[in-house]
Amino acid sequence: MTEADEGLIEAAKRVIRENCHPDRRHLGAAVRTKSGRTYAGVHLESNAIDVCAEAVALGMAASNGEREFENIVAVTMEERTEPRVVPPCAICSLRPGRMSEPI
């Protein structure tokens, strides 16, 4: 694991600690773009629809003009006191490639 990868995991952990509601799912994600910038997001949960943390992080990047991605990580704190890396869901594992296409 590279230092950049460790930084990406830390960004995802930080976004959970700082922004997840105590009564909601504790999932966060961070994406590193080819430009070297990192964008993070938390899982959004509502009565109508849930939005994965990976999608939120990618949306933050896209909202800032980023279209090329190097890496993405998802972390959870569910049932734990410290965040741990988890695999993205099947849909989210495909999103970075699709986000590289024109929106």
Protein backbone atom coordinates (compact mmCIF):
# COMPACT_ATOMS: atom_id res chain seq x y z
CA MET A 1 0.00 0.00 0.00
CA THR A 2 1.35 3.41 -0.94
CA GLU A 3 1.42 6.52 1.19
CA ALA A 4 -1.17 8.03 -1.15
CA ASP A 5 -3.47 5.04 -0.55
CA GLU A 6 -3.09 5.42 3.22
CA GLY A 7 -3.98 9.10 2.85
CA LEU A 8 -7.10 8.15 0.89
CA ILE A 9 -8.20 5.77 3.65
CA GLU A 10 -7.59 8.47 6.25
CA ALA A 11 -9.73 10.93 4.26
CA ALA A 12 -12.61 8.43 4.23
CA LYS A 13 -12.23 7.77 7.95
CA ARG A 14 -12.17 11.50 8.70
CA VAL A 15 -15.35 12.19 6.74
CA ILE A 16 -17.17 9.51 8.78
CA ARG A 17 -15.94 10.82 12.11
CA GLU A 18 -16.81 14.42 11.28
CA ASN A 19 -20.10 14.01 9.41
CA CYS A 20 -21.99 10.79 10.04
CA HIS A 21 -25.15 11.10 12.10
CA PRO A 22 -24.99 8.80 15.14
CA ASP A 23 -28.29 7.09 14.27
CA ARG A 24 -27.49 6.47 10.60
CA ARG A 25 -25.23 4.13 8.65
CA HIS A 26 -21.58 4.94 9.17
CA LEU A 27 -20.16 4.61 5.68
CA GLY A 28 -17.71 6.95 4.02
CA ALA A 29 -15.67 7.00 0.84
CA ALA A 30 -12.82 8.94 -0.68
CA VAL A 31 -11.70 9.15 -4.29
CA ARG A 32 -8.31 10.30 -5.60
CA THR A 33 -8.29 11.85 -9.04
CA LYS A 34 -5.50 11.76 -11.62
CA SER A 35 -4.82 15.40 -10.74
CA GLY A 36 -3.94 14.21 -7.21
CA ARG A 37 -6.91 15.78 -5.45
CA THR A 38 -9.00 13.84 -2.92
CA TYR A 39 -12.76 14.13 -2.48
CA ALA A 40 -14.71 12.43 0.30
CA GLY A 41 -18.37 11.79 1.04
CA VAL A 42 -20.68 9.98 3.43
CA HIS A 43 -23.57 7.61 2.77
CA LEU A 44 -26.83 9.57 2.50
CA GLU A 45 -29.83 7.87 4.03
CA SER A 46 -33.44 9.00 3.86
CA ASN A 47 -36.93 7.54 3.88
CA ALA A 48 -37.12 7.71 0.09
CA ILE A 49 -33.68 6.69 -1.20
CA ASP A 50 -30.13 5.94 -0.10
CA VAL A 51 -27.06 7.22 -1.93
CA CYS A 52 -23.80 5.33 -1.50
CA ALA A 53 -20.82 7.17 -0.06
CA GLU A 54 -18.80 6.29 -3.17
CA ALA A 55 -21.37 8.04 -5.36
CA VAL A 56 -21.27 11.11 -3.12
CA ALA A 57 -17.44 11.26 -3.27
CA LEU A 58 -17.47 10.84 -7.06
CA GLY A 59 -20.17 13.50 -7.32
CA MET A 60 -18.01 15.90 -5.30
CA ALA A 61 -15.14 15.26 -7.72
CA ALA A 62 -17.35 15.67 -10.80
CA SER A 63 -18.80 18.89 -9.36
CA ASN A 64 -15.25 20.22 -9.29
CA GLY A 65 -14.54 19.29 -12.91
CA GLU A 66 -12.70 16.02 -12.26
CA ARG A 67 -13.31 13.17 -14.72
CA GLU A 68 -10.27 10.89 -14.33
CA PHE A 69 -9.80 8.75 -11.24
CA GLU A 70 -6.91 6.82 -9.75
CA ASN A 71 -8.43 5.09 -6.74
CA ILE A 72 -11.49 4.92 -4.53
CA VAL A 73 -11.96 3.47 -1.05
CA ALA A 74 -14.98 2.82 1.15
CA VAL A 75 -14.85 2.50 4.94
CA THR A 76 -17.37 1.68 7.65
CA MET A 77 -17.59 2.12 11.39
CA GLU A 78 -20.67 -0.04 11.81
CA GLU A 79 -20.35 -2.27 14.86
CA ARG A 80 -16.80 -1.04 15.49
CA THR A 81 -15.01 1.74 17.31
CA GLU A 82 -12.48 2.20 14.49
CA PRO A 83 -13.23 2.45 10.77
CA ARG A 84 -12.31 -0.44 8.51
CA VAL A 85 -12.00 -0.69 4.72
CA VAL A 86 -14.89 -2.47 2.99
CA PRO A 87 -15.41 -3.41 -0.66
CA PRO A 88 -17.70 -1.14 -2.66
CA CYS A 89 -21.06 -2.47 -3.72
CA ALA A 90 -21.31 -3.89 -7.25
CA ILE A 91 -22.78 -0.70 -8.70
CA CYS A 92 -20.21 1.56 -7.04
CA SER A 93 -17.32 -0.55 -8.30
CA LEU A 94 -18.38 0.40 -11.86
CA ARG A 95 -18.97 4.12 -11.25
CA PRO A 96 -15.41 5.51 -11.65
CA GLY A 97 -15.21 4.18 -15.23
CA ARG A 98 -18.63 5.55 -16.09
CA MET A 99 -17.79 8.92 -14.54
CA SER A 100 -14.86 9.23 -16.98
CA GLU A 101 -17.38 9.45 -19.80
CA PRO A 102 -18.88 12.87 -20.62
CA ILE A 103 -21.75 13.77 -18.33
